[in-house]
PDB file of N, CA and C in Angstrom:
ATOM      1  N   MET A   1      90.065 -31.314 -38.276  1.00  0.00           N
ATOM      2  CA  MET A   1      91.187 -30.753 -37.564  1.00  0.00           C
ATOM      3  C   MET A   1      91.558 -31.602 -36.348  1.00  0.00           C
ATOM      4  N   LYS A   2      90.544 -32.130 -35.619  1.00  0.00           N
ATOM      5  CA  LYS A   2      90.819 -32.956 -34.450  1.00  0.00           C
ATOM      6  C   LYS A   2      91.565 -34.221 -34.836  1.00  0.00           C
ATOM      7  N   THR A   3      91.278 -34.783 -35.997  1.00  0.00           N
ATOM      8  CA  THR A   3      91.967 -35.978 -36.461  1.00  0.00           C
ATOM      9  C   THR A   3      93.442 -35.687 -36.677  1.00  0.00           C
ATOM     10  N   LEU A   4      93.754 -34.528 -37.229  1.00  0.00           N
ATOM     11  CA  LEU A   4      95.151 -34.161 -37.472  1.00  0.00           C
ATOM     12  C   LEU A   4      95.925 -34.018 -36.162  1.00  0.00           C
ATOM     13  N   ILE A   5      95.270 -33.591 -35.116  1.00  0.00           N
ATOM     14  CA  ILE A   5      95.937 -33.445 -33.824  1.00  0.00           C
ATOM     15  C   ILE A   5      96.074 -34.801 -33.140  1.00  0.00           C
ATOM     16  N   ARG A   6      95.092 -35.644 -33.262  1.00  0.00           N
ATOM     17  CA  ARG A   6      95.115 -36.947 -32.592  1.00  0.00           C
ATOM     18  C   ARG A   6      96.200 -37.863 -33.156  1.00  0.00           C
ATOM     19  N   TYR A   7      96.422 -37.822 -34.459  1.00  0.00           N
ATOM     20  CA  TYR A   7      97.395 -38.717 -35.082  1.00  0.00           C
ATOM     21  C   TYR A   7      98.809 -38.500 -34.525  1.00  0.00           C
ATOM     22  N   PRO A   8      99.339 -37.263 -34.504  1.00  0.00           N
ATOM     23  CA  PRO A   8     100.685 -37.077 -33.920  1.00  0.00           C
ATOM     24  C   PRO A   8     100.738 -37.448 -32.440  1.00  0.00           C
ATOM     25  N   LEU A   9      99.650 -37.188 -31.711  1.00  0.00           N
ATOM     26  CA  LEU A   9      99.610 -37.556 -30.309  1.00  0.00           C
ATOM     27  C   LEU A   9      99.682 -39.074 -30.149  1.00  0.00           C
ATOM     28  N   PHE A  10      98.999 -39.797 -30.992  1.00  0.00           N
ATOM     29  CA  PHE A  10      99.029 -41.255 -30.978  1.00  0.00           C
ATOM     30  C   PHE A  10     100.445 -41.759 -31.252  1.00  0.00           C
ATOM     31  N   ILE A  11     101.113 -41.184 -32.230  1.00  0.00           N
ATOM     32  CA  ILE A  11     102.492 -41.571 -32.562  1.00  0.00           C
ATOM     33  C   ILE A  11     103.418 -41.276 -31.374  1.00  0.00           C
ATOM     34  N   LEU A  12     103.221 -40.146 -30.744  1.00  0.00           N
ATOM     35  CA  LEU A  12     104.039 -39.787 -29.584  1.00  0.00           C
ATOM     36  C   LEU A  12     103.848 -40.795 -28.450  1.00  0.00           C
ATOM     37  N   LEU A  13     102.611 -41.203 -28.195  1.00  0.00           N
ATOM     38  CA  LEU A  13     102.339 -42.187 -27.152  1.00  0.00           C
ATOM     39  C   LEU A  13     102.954 -43.543 -27.481  1.00  0.00           C
ATOM     40  N   LEU A  14     102.897 -43.950 -28.726  1.00  0.00           N
ATOM     41  CA  LEU A  14     103.521 -45.215 -29.132  1.00  0.00           C
ATOM     42  C   LEU A  14     105.032 -45.166 -28.947  1.00  0.00           C
ATOM     43  N   THR A  15     105.637 -44.053 -29.300  1.00  0.00           N
ATOM     44  CA  THR A  15     107.082 -43.893 -29.148  1.00  0.00           C
ATOM     45  C   THR A  15     107.469 -43.945 -27.668  1.00  0.00           C
ATOM     46  N   ALA A  16     106.710 -43.277 -26.815  1.00  0.00           N
ATOM     47  CA  ALA A  16     106.992 -43.287 -25.382  1.00  0.00           C
ATOM     48  C   ALA A  16     106.854 -44.698 -24.814  1.00  0.00           C
ATOM     49  N   ALA A  17     105.841 -45.428 -25.251  1.00  0.00           N
ATOM     50  CA  ALA A  17     105.657 -46.805 -24.780  1.00  0.00           C
ATOM     51  C   ALA A  17     106.828 -47.687 -25.200  1.00  0.00           C
ATOM     52  N   ALA A  18     107.337 -47.498 -26.397  1.00  0.00           N
ATOM     53  CA  ALA A  18     108.484 -48.277 -26.869  1.00  0.00           C
ATOM     54  C   ALA A  18     109.726 -47.968 -26.050  1.00  0.00           C
ATOM     55  N   LEU A  19     109.922 -46.717 -25.694  1.00  0.00           N
ATOM     56  CA  LEU A  19     111.084 -46.343 -24.893  1.00  0.00           C
ATOM     57  C   LEU A  19     111.002 -46.919 -23.490  1.00  0.00           C
ATOM     58  N   VAL A  20     109.833 -46.910 -22.911  1.00  0.00           N
ATOM     59  CA  VAL A  20     109.664 -47.461 -21.565  1.00  0.00           C
ATOM     60  C   VAL A  20     109.909 -48.958 -21.578  1.00  0.00           C
ATOM     61  N   SER A  21     109.405 -49.659 -22.576  1.00  0.00           N
ATOM     62  CA  SER A  21     109.585 -51.106 -22.628  1.00  0.00           C
ATOM     63  C   SER A  21     111.027 -51.490 -22.943  1.00  0.00           C
ATOM     64  N   ALA A  22     111.842 -50.561 -23.444  1.00  0.00           N
ATOM     65  CA  ALA A  22     113.233 -50.854 -23.767  1.00  0.00           C
ATOM     66  C   ALA A  22     114.130 -50.784 -22.533  1.00  0.00           C
ATOM     67  N   GLU A  23     113.613 -50.255 -21.414  1.00  0.00           N
ATOM     68  CA  GLU A  23     114.405 -50.194 -20.196  1.00  0.00           C
ATOM     69  C   GLU A  23     114.658 -51.598 -19.669  1.00  0.00           C
ATOM     70  N   PRO A  24     115.798 -51.795 -18.993  1.00  0.00           N
ATOM     71  CA  PRO A  24     116.069 -53.118 -18.447  1.00  0.00           C
ATOM     72  C   PRO A  24     115.043 -53.495 -17.386  1.00  0.00           C
ATOM     73  N   GLU A  25     114.784 -54.800 -17.286  1.00  0.00           N
ATOM     74  CA  GLU A  25     113.887 -55.286 -16.245  1.00  0.00           C
ATOM     75  C   GLU A  25     114.558 -55.096 -14.897  1.00  0.00           C
ATOM     76  N   GLY A  26     113.771 -54.991 -13.880  1.00  0.00           N
ATOM     77  CA  GLY A  26     114.325 -54.868 -12.540  1.00  0.00           C
ATOM     78  C   GLY A  26     113.777 -53.651 -11.841  1.00  0.00           C
ATOM     79  N   SER A  27     113.634 -53.766 -10.539  1.00  0.00           N
ATOM     80  CA  SER A  27     112.973 -52.702  -9.805  1.00  0.00           C
ATOM     81  C   SER A  27     113.915 -51.641  -9.240  1.00  0.00           C
ATOM     82  N   ILE A  28     115.195 -51.967  -9.093  1.00  0.00           N
ATOM     83  CA  ILE A  28     116.136 -51.003  -8.507  1.00  0.00           C
ATOM     84  C   ILE A  28     117.184 -50.634  -9.560  1.00  0.00           C
ATOM     85  N   LYS A  29     117.065 -49.423 -10.062  1.00  0.00           N
ATOM     86  CA  LYS A  29     118.021 -48.914 -11.046  1.00  0.00           C
ATOM     87  C   LYS A  29     119.211 -48.312 -10.285  1.00  0.00           C
ATOM     88  N   VAL A  30     120.418 -48.576 -10.775  1.00  0.00           N
ATOM     89  CA  VAL A  30     121.631 -48.139 -10.086  1.00  0.00           C
ATOM     90  C   VAL A  30     122.537 -47.414 -11.071  1.00  0.00           C
ATOM     91  N   ALA A  31     123.018 -46.253 -10.672  1.00  0.00           N
ATOM     92  CA  ALA A  31     123.974 -45.503 -11.494  1.00  0.00           C
ATOM     93  C   ALA A  31     125.327 -46.207 -11.466  1.00  0.00           C
ATOM     94  N   LYS A  32     126.107 -45.997 -12.515  1.00  0.00           N
ATOM     95  CA  LYS A  32     127.398 -46.687 -12.644  1.00  0.00           C
ATOM     96  C   LYS A  32     128.345 -46.438 -11.469  1.00  0.00           C
ATOM     97  N   LYS A  33     128.365 -45.221 -10.948  1.00  0.00           N
ATOM     98  CA  LYS A  33     129.342 -44.875  -9.911  1.00  0.00           C
ATOM     99  C   LYS A  33     128.796 -45.006  -8.490  1.00  0.00           C
ATOM    100  N   THR A  34     127.694 -45.734  -8.327  1.00  0.00           N
ATOM    101  CA  THR A  34     127.137 -45.920  -6.984  1.00  0.00           C
ATOM    102  C   THR A  34     128.083 -46.796  -6.166  1.00  0.00           C
ATOM    103  N   PRO A  35     128.499 -46.325  -4.977  1.00  0.00           N
ATOM    104  CA  PRO A  35     129.414 -47.123  -4.157  1.00  0.00           C
ATOM    105  C   PRO A  35     128.790 -48.459  -3.751  1.00  0.00           C
ATOM    106  N   ARG A  36     129.647 -49.420  -3.524  1.00  0.00           N
ATOM    107  CA  ARG A  36     129.207 -50.775  -3.180  1.00  0.00           C
ATOM    108  C   ARG A  36     128.344 -50.788  -1.916  1.00  0.00           C
ATOM    109  N   TRP A  37     128.748 -50.061  -0.892  1.00  0.00           N
ATOM    110  CA  TRP A  37     127.988 -50.041   0.363  1.00  0.00           C
ATOM    111  C   TRP A  37     126.582 -49.507   0.140  1.00  0.00           C
ATOM    112  N   GLU A  38     126.453 -48.549  -0.776  1.00  0.00           N
ATOM    113  CA  GLU A  38     125.142 -47.973  -1.065  1.00  0.00           C
ATOM    114  C   GLU A  38     124.266 -48.977  -1.837  1.00  0.00           C
ATOM    115  N   GLN A  39     124.907 -49.770  -2.712  1.00  0.00           N
ATOM    116  CA  GLN A  39     124.168 -50.808  -3.441  1.00  0.00           C
ATOM    117  C   GLN A  39     123.578 -51.822  -2.452  1.00  0.00           C
ATOM    118  N   VAL A  40     124.380 -52.218  -1.469  1.00  0.00           N
ATOM    119  CA  VAL A  40     123.908 -53.174  -0.467  1.00  0.00           C
ATOM    120  C   VAL A  40     122.724 -52.581   0.297  1.00  0.00           C
ATOM    121  N   ALA A  41     122.804 -51.309   0.638  1.00  0.00           N
ATOM    122  CA  ALA A  41     121.721 -50.646   1.364  1.00  0.00           C
ATOM    123  C   ALA A  41     120.455 -50.514   0.515  1.00  0.00           C
ATOM    124  N   MET A  42     120.615 -50.444  -0.799  1.00  0.00           N
ATOM    125  CA  MET A  42     119.474 -50.285  -1.704  1.00  0.00           C
ATOM    126  C   MET A  42     118.666 -51.573  -1.860  1.00  0.00           C
ATOM    127  N   ALA A  43     119.308 -52.713  -1.663  1.00  0.00           N
ATOM    128  CA  ALA A  43     118.633 -54.008  -1.850  1.00  0.00           C
ATOM    129  C   ALA A  43     117.483 -54.146  -0.868  1.00  0.00           C
ATOM    130  N   LYS A  44     116.339 -54.567  -1.364  1.00  0.00           N
ATOM    131  CA  LYS A  44     115.149 -54.734  -0.520  1.00  0.00           C
ATOM    132  C   LYS A  44     115.049 -56.153   0.052  1.00  0.00           C
ATOM    133  N   ILE A  45     115.694 -57.108  -0.609  1.00  0.00           N
ATOM    134  CA  ILE A  45     115.733 -58.465  -0.080  1.00  0.00           C
ATOM    135  C   ILE A  45     117.169 -58.778   0.327  1.00  0.00           C
ATOM    136  N   THR A  46     117.319 -59.662   1.281  1.00  0.00           N
ATOM    137  CA  THR A  46     118.652 -60.008   1.776  1.00  0.00           C
ATOM    138  C   THR A  46     119.264 -61.123   0.932  1.00  0.00           C
ATOM    139  N   ALA A  47     120.538 -61.356   1.160  1.00  0.00           N
ATOM    140  CA  ALA A  47     121.209 -62.468   0.490  1.00  0.00           C
ATOM    141  C   ALA A  47     120.562 -63.793   0.888  1.00  0.00           C
ATOM    142  N   ALA A  48     120.148 -63.895   2.149  1.00  0.00           N
ATOM    143  CA  ALA A  48     119.471 -65.121   2.617  1.00  0.00           C
ATOM    144  C   ALA A  48     118.144 -65.309   1.888  1.00  0.00           C
ATOM    145  N   ASP A  49     117.410 -64.212   1.671  1.00  0.00           N
ATOM    146  CA  ASP A  49     116.159 -64.293   0.899  1.00  0.00           C
ATOM    147  C   ASP A  49     116.436 -64.784  -0.529  1.00  0.00           C
ATOM    148  N   ALA A  50     117.490 -64.234  -1.141  1.00  0.00           N
ATOM    149  CA  ALA A  50     117.850 -64.628  -2.509  1.00  0.00           C
ATOM    150  C   ALA A  50     118.204 -66.117  -2.567  1.00  0.00           C
ATOM    151  N   MET A  51     118.910 -66.612  -1.532  1.00  0.00           N
ATOM    152  CA  MET A  51     119.239 -68.039  -1.478  1.00  0.00           C
ATOM    153  C   MET A  51     117.967 -68.884  -1.386  1.00  0.00           C
ATOM    154  N   ASP A  52     117.038 -68.471  -0.535  1.00  0.00           N
ATOM    155  CA  ASP A  52     115.779 -69.209  -0.387  1.00  0.00           C
ATOM    156  C   ASP A  52     114.994 -69.247  -1.691  1.00  0.00           C
ATOM    157  N   ILE A  53     114.951 -68.115  -2.389  1.00  0.00           N
ATOM    158  CA  ILE A  53     114.242 -68.039  -3.669  1.00  0.00           C
ATOM    159  C   ILE A  53     114.896 -68.973  -4.681  1.00  0.00           C
ATOM    160  N   ALA A  54     116.230 -68.942  -4.731  1.00  0.00           N
ATOM    161  CA  ALA A  54     116.968 -69.788  -5.672  1.00  0.00           C
ATOM    162  C   ALA A  54     116.742 -71.267  -5.367  1.00  0.00           C
ATOM    163  N   LEU A  55     116.793 -71.640  -4.093  1.00  0.00           N
ATOM    164  CA  LEU A  55     116.641 -73.044  -3.720  1.00  0.00           C
ATOM    165  C   LEU A  55     115.205 -73.535  -3.873  1.00  0.00           C
ATOM    166  N   THR A  56     114.249 -72.629  -3.833  1.00  0.00           N
ATOM    167  CA  THR A  56     112.861 -73.000  -4.120  1.00  0.00           C
ATOM    168  C   THR A  56     112.707 -73.306  -5.612  1.00  0.00           C
ATOM    169  N   ALA A  57     113.395 -72.511  -6.438  1.00  0.00           N
ATOM    170  CA  ALA A  57     113.327 -72.716  -7.889  1.00  0.00           C
ATOM    171  C   ALA A  57     114.146 -73.913  -8.332  1.00  0.00           C
ATOM    172  N   VAL A  58     115.295 -74.123  -7.681  1.00  0.00           N
ATOM    173  CA  VAL A  58     116.206 -75.207  -8.049  1.00  0.00           C
ATOM    174  C   VAL A  58     116.689 -75.882  -6.763  1.00  0.00           C
ATOM    175  N   PRO A  59     116.053 -76.949  -6.339  1.00  0.00           N
ATOM    176  CA  PRO A  59     116.515 -77.643  -5.132  1.00  0.00           C
ATOM    177  C   PRO A  59     117.952 -78.140  -5.314  1.00  0.00           C
ATOM    178  N   GLY A  60     118.773 -77.909  -4.319  1.00  0.00           N
ATOM    179  CA  GLY A  60     120.176 -78.319  -4.399  1.00  0.00           C
ATOM    180  C   GLY A  60     120.997 -77.540  -3.400  1.00  0.00           C
ATOM    181  N   ALA A  61     122.167 -77.069  -3.830  1.00  0.00           N
ATOM    182  CA  ALA A  61     123.066 -76.330  -2.950  1.00  0.00           C
ATOM    183  C   ALA A  61     123.557 -75.063  -3.655  1.00  0.00           C
ATOM    184  N   VAL A  62     123.523 -73.949  -2.940  1.00  0.00           N
ATOM    185  CA  VAL A  62     124.053 -72.695  -3.476  1.00  0.00           C
ATOM    186  C   VAL A  62     125.575 -72.758  -3.397  1.00  0.00           C
ATOM    187  N   VAL A  63     126.237 -72.488  -4.523  1.00  0.00           N
ATOM    188  CA  VAL A  63     127.698 -72.512  -4.546  1.00  0.00           C
ATOM    189  C   VAL A  63     128.294 -71.118  -4.714  1.00  0.00           C
ATOM    190  N   GLU A  64     127.471 -70.164  -5.147  1.00  0.00           N
ATOM    191  CA  GLU A  64     127.958 -68.790  -5.290  1.00  0.00           C
ATOM    192  C   GLU A  64     126.771 -67.843  -5.247  1.00  0.00           C
ATOM    193  N   LEU A  65     126.965 -66.716  -4.587  1.00  0.00           N
ATOM    194  CA  LEU A  65     125.940 -65.685  -4.521  1.00  0.00           C
ATOM    195  C   LEU A  65     126.634 -64.341  -4.550  1.00  0.00           C
ATOM    196  N   GLU A  66     126.176 -63.452  -5.424  1.00  0.00           N
ATOM    197  CA  GLU A  66     126.804 -62.144  -5.537  1.00  0.00           C
ATOM    198  C   GLU A  66     125.738 -61.094  -5.812  1.00  0.00           C
ATOM    199  N   LEU A  67     125.827 -59.963  -5.108  1.00  0.00           N
ATOM    200  CA  LEU A  67     124.995 -58.801  -5.392  1.00  0.00           C
ATOM    201  C   LEU A  67     125.747 -57.986  -6.424  1.00  0.00           C
ATOM    202  N   GLU A  68     125.109 -57.708  -7.551  1.00  0.00           N
ATOM    203  CA  GLU A  68     125.801 -56.984  -8.614  1.00  0.00           C
ATOM    204  C   GLU A  68     124.831 -56.122  -9.404  1.00  0.00           C
ATOM    205  N   VAL A  69     125.414 -55.256 -10.211  1.00  0.00           N
ATOM    206  CA  VAL A  69     124.637 -54.410 -11.108  1.00  0.00           C
ATOM    207  C   VAL A  69     124.776 -54.982 -12.504  1.00  0.00           C
ATOM    208  N   ASP A  70     123.641 -55.292 -13.110  1.00  0.00           N
ATOM    209  CA  ASP A  70     123.619 -55.853 -14.458  1.00  0.00           C
ATOM    210  C   ASP A  70     122.732 -54.962 -15.323  1.00  0.00           C
ATOM    211  N   ASP A  71     123.325 -54.321 -16.310  1.00  0.00           N
ATOM    212  CA  ASP A  71     122.598 -53.394 -17.191  1.00  0.00           C
ATOM    213  C   ASP A  71     121.861 -52.327 -16.394  1.00  0.00           C
ATOM    214  N   GLY A  72     122.494 -51.823 -15.343  1.00  0.00           N
ATOM    215  CA  GLY A  72     121.917 -50.747 -14.550  1.00  0.00           C
ATOM    216  C   GLY A  72     120.881 -51.167 -13.531  1.00  0.00           C
ATOM    217  N   VAL A  73     120.717 -52.487 -13.335  1.00  0.00           N
ATOM    218  CA  VAL A  73     119.720 -53.008 -12.404  1.00  0.00           C
ATOM    219  C   VAL A  73     120.420 -53.815 -11.311  1.00  0.00           C
ATOM    220  N   LEU A  74     119.992 -53.622 -10.069  1.00  0.00           N
ATOM    221  CA  LEU A  74     120.583 -54.337  -8.939  1.00  0.00           C
ATOM    222  C   LEU A  74     119.977 -55.733  -8.835  1.00  0.00           C
ATOM    223  N   ILE A  75     120.832 -56.745  -8.917  1.00  0.00           N
ATOM    224  CA  ILE A  75     120.380 -58.141  -8.889  1.00  0.00           C
ATOM    225  C   ILE A  75     121.274 -58.973  -7.974  1.00  0.00           C
ATOM    226  N   TYR A  76     120.744 -60.108  -7.576  1.00  0.00           N
ATOM    227  CA  TYR A  76     121.563 -61.164  -6.982  1.00  0.00           C
ATOM    228  C   TYR A  76     121.774 -62.198  -8.072  1.00  0.00           C
ATOM    229  N   GLU A  77     123.023 -62.573  -8.284  1.00  0.00           N
ATOM    230  CA  GLU A  77     123.310 -63.682  -9.190  1.00  0.00           C
ATOM    231  C   GLU A  77     123.643 -64.880  -8.310  1.00  0.00           C
ATOM    232  N   VAL A  78     122.844 -65.928  -8.432  1.00  0.00           N
ATOM    233  CA  VAL A  78     122.975 -67.095  -7.558  1.00  0.00           C
ATOM    234  C   VAL A  78     123.234 -68.330  -8.413  1.00  0.00           C
ATOM    235  N   SER A  79     124.318 -69.041  -8.114  1.00  0.00           N
ATOM    236  CA  SER A  79     124.630 -70.303  -8.790  1.00  0.00           C
ATOM    237  C   SER A  79     124.253 -71.448  -7.867  1.00  0.00           C
ATOM    238  N   VAL A  80     123.488 -72.383  -8.419  1.00  0.00           N
ATOM    239  CA  VAL A  80     123.015 -73.529  -7.640  1.00  0.00           C
ATOM    240  C   VAL A  80     123.420 -74.804  -8.366  1.00  0.00           C
ATOM    241  N   ILE A  81     123.925 -75.785  -7.603  1.00  0.00           N
ATOM    242  CA  ILE A  81     124.142 -77.127  -8.143  1.00  0.00           C
ATOM    243  C   ILE A  81     122.894 -77.915  -7.765  1.00  0.00           C
ATOM    244  N   GLY A  82     122.153 -78.335  -8.782  1.00  0.00           N
ATOM    245  CA  GLY A  82     120.909 -79.056  -8.545  1.00  0.00           C
ATOM    246  C   GLY A  82     121.155 -80.492  -8.110  1.00  0.00           C
ATOM    247  N   LYS A  83     120.075 -81.148  -7.736  1.00  0.00           N
ATOM    248  CA  LYS A  83     120.166 -82.529  -7.255  1.00  0.00           C
ATOM    249  C   LYS A  83     120.660 -83.488  -8.329  1.00  0.00           C
ATOM    250  N   SER A  84     120.494 -83.123  -9.591  1.00  0.00           N
ATOM    251  CA  SER A  84     120.997 -83.958 -10.690  1.00  0.00           C
ATOM    252  C   SER A  84     122.388 -83.510 -11.131  1.00  0.00           C
ATOM    253  N   HIS A  85     123.054 -82.713 -10.290  1.00  0.00           N
ATOM    254  CA  HIS A  85     124.418 -82.221 -10.519  1.00  0.00           C
ATOM    255  C   HIS A  85     124.520 -81.226 -11.669  1.00  0.00           C
ATOM    256  N   GLU A  86     123.401 -80.626 -12.055  1.00  0.00           N
ATOM    257  CA  GLU A  86     123.431 -79.574 -13.073  1.00  0.00           C
ATOM    258  C   GLU A  86     123.669 -78.231 -12.379  1.00  0.00           C
ATOM    259  N   THR A  87     124.337 -77.318 -13.058  1.00  0.00           N
ATOM    260  CA  THR A  87     124.554 -75.975 -12.523  1.00  0.00           C
ATOM    261  C   THR A  87     123.530 -75.037 -13.142  1.00  0.00           C
ATOM    262  N   VAL A  88     122.854 -74.281 -12.294  1.00  0.00           N
ATOM    263  CA  VAL A  88     121.858 -73.314 -12.747  1.00  0.00           C
ATOM    264  C   VAL A  88     122.227 -71.960 -12.156  1.00  0.00           C
ATOM    265  N   VAL A  89     122.254 -70.935 -13.021  1.00  0.00           N
ATOM    266  CA  VAL A  89     122.542 -69.576 -12.579  1.00  0.00           C
ATOM    267  C   VAL A  89     121.251 -68.776 -12.687  1.00  0.00           C
ATOM    268  N   LEU A  90     120.857 -68.166 -11.573  1.00  0.00           N
ATOM    269  CA  LEU A  90     119.634 -67.368 -11.533  1.00  0.00           C
ATOM    270  C   LEU A  90     119.988 -65.913 -11.271  1.00  0.00           C
ATOM    271  N   GLU A  91     119.315 -65.005 -11.970  1.00  0.00           N
ATOM    272  CA  GLU A  91     119.401 -63.581 -11.678  1.00  0.00           C
ATOM    273  C   GLU A  91     118.104 -63.210 -10.980  1.00  0.00           C
ATOM    274  N   ILE A  92     118.230 -62.721  -9.748  1.00  0.00           N
ATOM    275  CA  ILE A  92     117.073 -62.410  -8.915  1.00  0.00           C
ATOM    276  C   ILE A  92     117.042 -60.914  -8.644  1.00  0.00           C
ATOM    277  N   ASP A  93     115.901 -60.294  -8.895  1.00  0.00           N
ATOM    278  CA  ASP A  93     115.717 -58.867  -8.663  1.00  0.00           C
ATOM    279  C   ASP A  93     115.929 -58.575  -7.168  1.00  0.00           C
ATOM    280  N   ALA A  94     116.854 -57.673  -6.867  1.00  0.00           N
ATOM    281  CA  ALA A  94     117.188 -57.359  -5.479  1.00  0.00           C
ATOM    282  C   ALA A  94     116.108 -56.517  -4.797  1.00  0.00           C
ATOM    283  N   GLY A  95     115.113 -56.091  -5.556  1.00  0.00           N
ATOM    284  CA  GLY A  95     114.030 -55.316  -4.979  1.00  0.00           C
ATOM    285  C   GLY A  95     112.779 -56.129  -4.729  1.00  0.00           C
ATOM    286  N   THR A  96     112.463 -57.027  -5.653  1.00  0.00           N
ATOM    287  CA  THR A  96     111.203 -57.769  -5.569  1.00  0.00           C
ATOM    288  C   THR A  96     111.378 -59.249  -5.275  1.00  0.00           C
ATOM    289  N   GLY A  97     112.560 -59.784  -5.533  1.00  0.00           N
ATOM    290  CA  GLY A  97     112.781 -61.217  -5.379  1.00  0.00           C
ATOM    291  C   GLY A  97     112.342 -62.022  -6.597  1.00  0.00           C
ATOM    292  N   GLU A  98     111.921 -61.336  -7.645  1.00  0.00           N
ATOM    293  CA  GLU A  98     111.498 -62.008  -8.876  1.00  0.00           C
ATOM    294  C   GLU A  98     112.713 -62.574  -9.606  1.00  0.00           C
ATOM    295  N   ILE A  99     112.570 -63.781 -10.138  1.00  0.00           N
ATOM    296  CA  ILE A  99     113.640 -64.368 -10.955  1.00  0.00           C
ATOM    297  C   ILE A  99     113.545 -63.739 -12.342  1.00  0.00           C
ATOM    298  N   LEU A 100     114.591 -63.000 -12.710  1.00  0.00           N
ATOM    299  CA  LEU A 100     114.609 -62.287 -13.985  1.00  0.00           C
ATOM    300  C   LEU A 100     115.150 -63.151 -15.114  1.00  0.00           C
ATOM    301  N   GLU A 101     116.091 -64.032 -14.763  1.00  0.00           N
ATOM    302  CA  GLU A 101     116.721 -64.868 -15.794  1.00  0.00           C
ATOM    303  C   GLU A 101     117.185 -66.167 -15.168  1.00  0.00           C
ATOM    304  N   ARG A 102     117.111 -67.219 -15.963  1.00  0.00           N
ATOM    305  CA  ARG A 102     117.603 -68.537 -15.532  1.00  0.00           C
ATOM    306  C   ARG A 102     118.467 -69.087 -16.650  1.00  0.00           C
ATOM    307  N   GLU A 103     119.670 -69.512 -16.292  1.00  0.00           N
ATOM    308  CA  GLU A 103     120.593 -70.086 -17.274  1.00  0.00           C
ATOM    309  C   GLU A 103     121.013 -71.457 -16.775  1.00  0.00           C
ATOM    310  N   ASP A 104     120.670 -72.480 -17.549  1.00  0.00           N
ATOM    311  CA  ASP A 104     121.036 -73.847 -17.201  1.00  0.00           C
ATOM    312  C   ASP A 104     122.350 -74.192 -17.872  1.00  0.00           C
ATOM    313  N   ASP A 105     123.363 -74.518 -17.071  1.00  0.00           N
ATOM    314  CA  ASP A 105     124.660 -74.963 -17.589  1.00  0.00           C
ATOM    315  C   ASP A 105     124.776 -76.457 -17.338  1.00  0.00           C
ATOM    316  N   ASP A 106     124.662 -77.213 -18.387  1.00  0.00           N
ATOM    317  CA  ASP A 106     124.729 -78.680 -18.227  1.00  0.00           C
ATOM    318  C   ASP A 106     126.149 -79.171 -18.124  1.00  0.00           C
TER     319      ASP A 106
END
């Protein structure tokens, strides 16, 4: 009888784990209708911090920086022109400063 109870519980735990892992990466979740001023207040790192993180990852010059919501997560999108004149776009978590995505545009 205990085996019959454990099996559905195991399936339930696996399903819950799959749902949690399907959530977007990022530490600050933002509702669609959150006002812009509130999004800025929610950010744990500043725009200057995001620039420093981007320039540490890609030495060069920042040409664009924007705080935005991407798939319900608050991020900084930073475009950097590298020393070899390549453009790199980084998505940086506005809560932790972690680089979530890097896109190299040659």
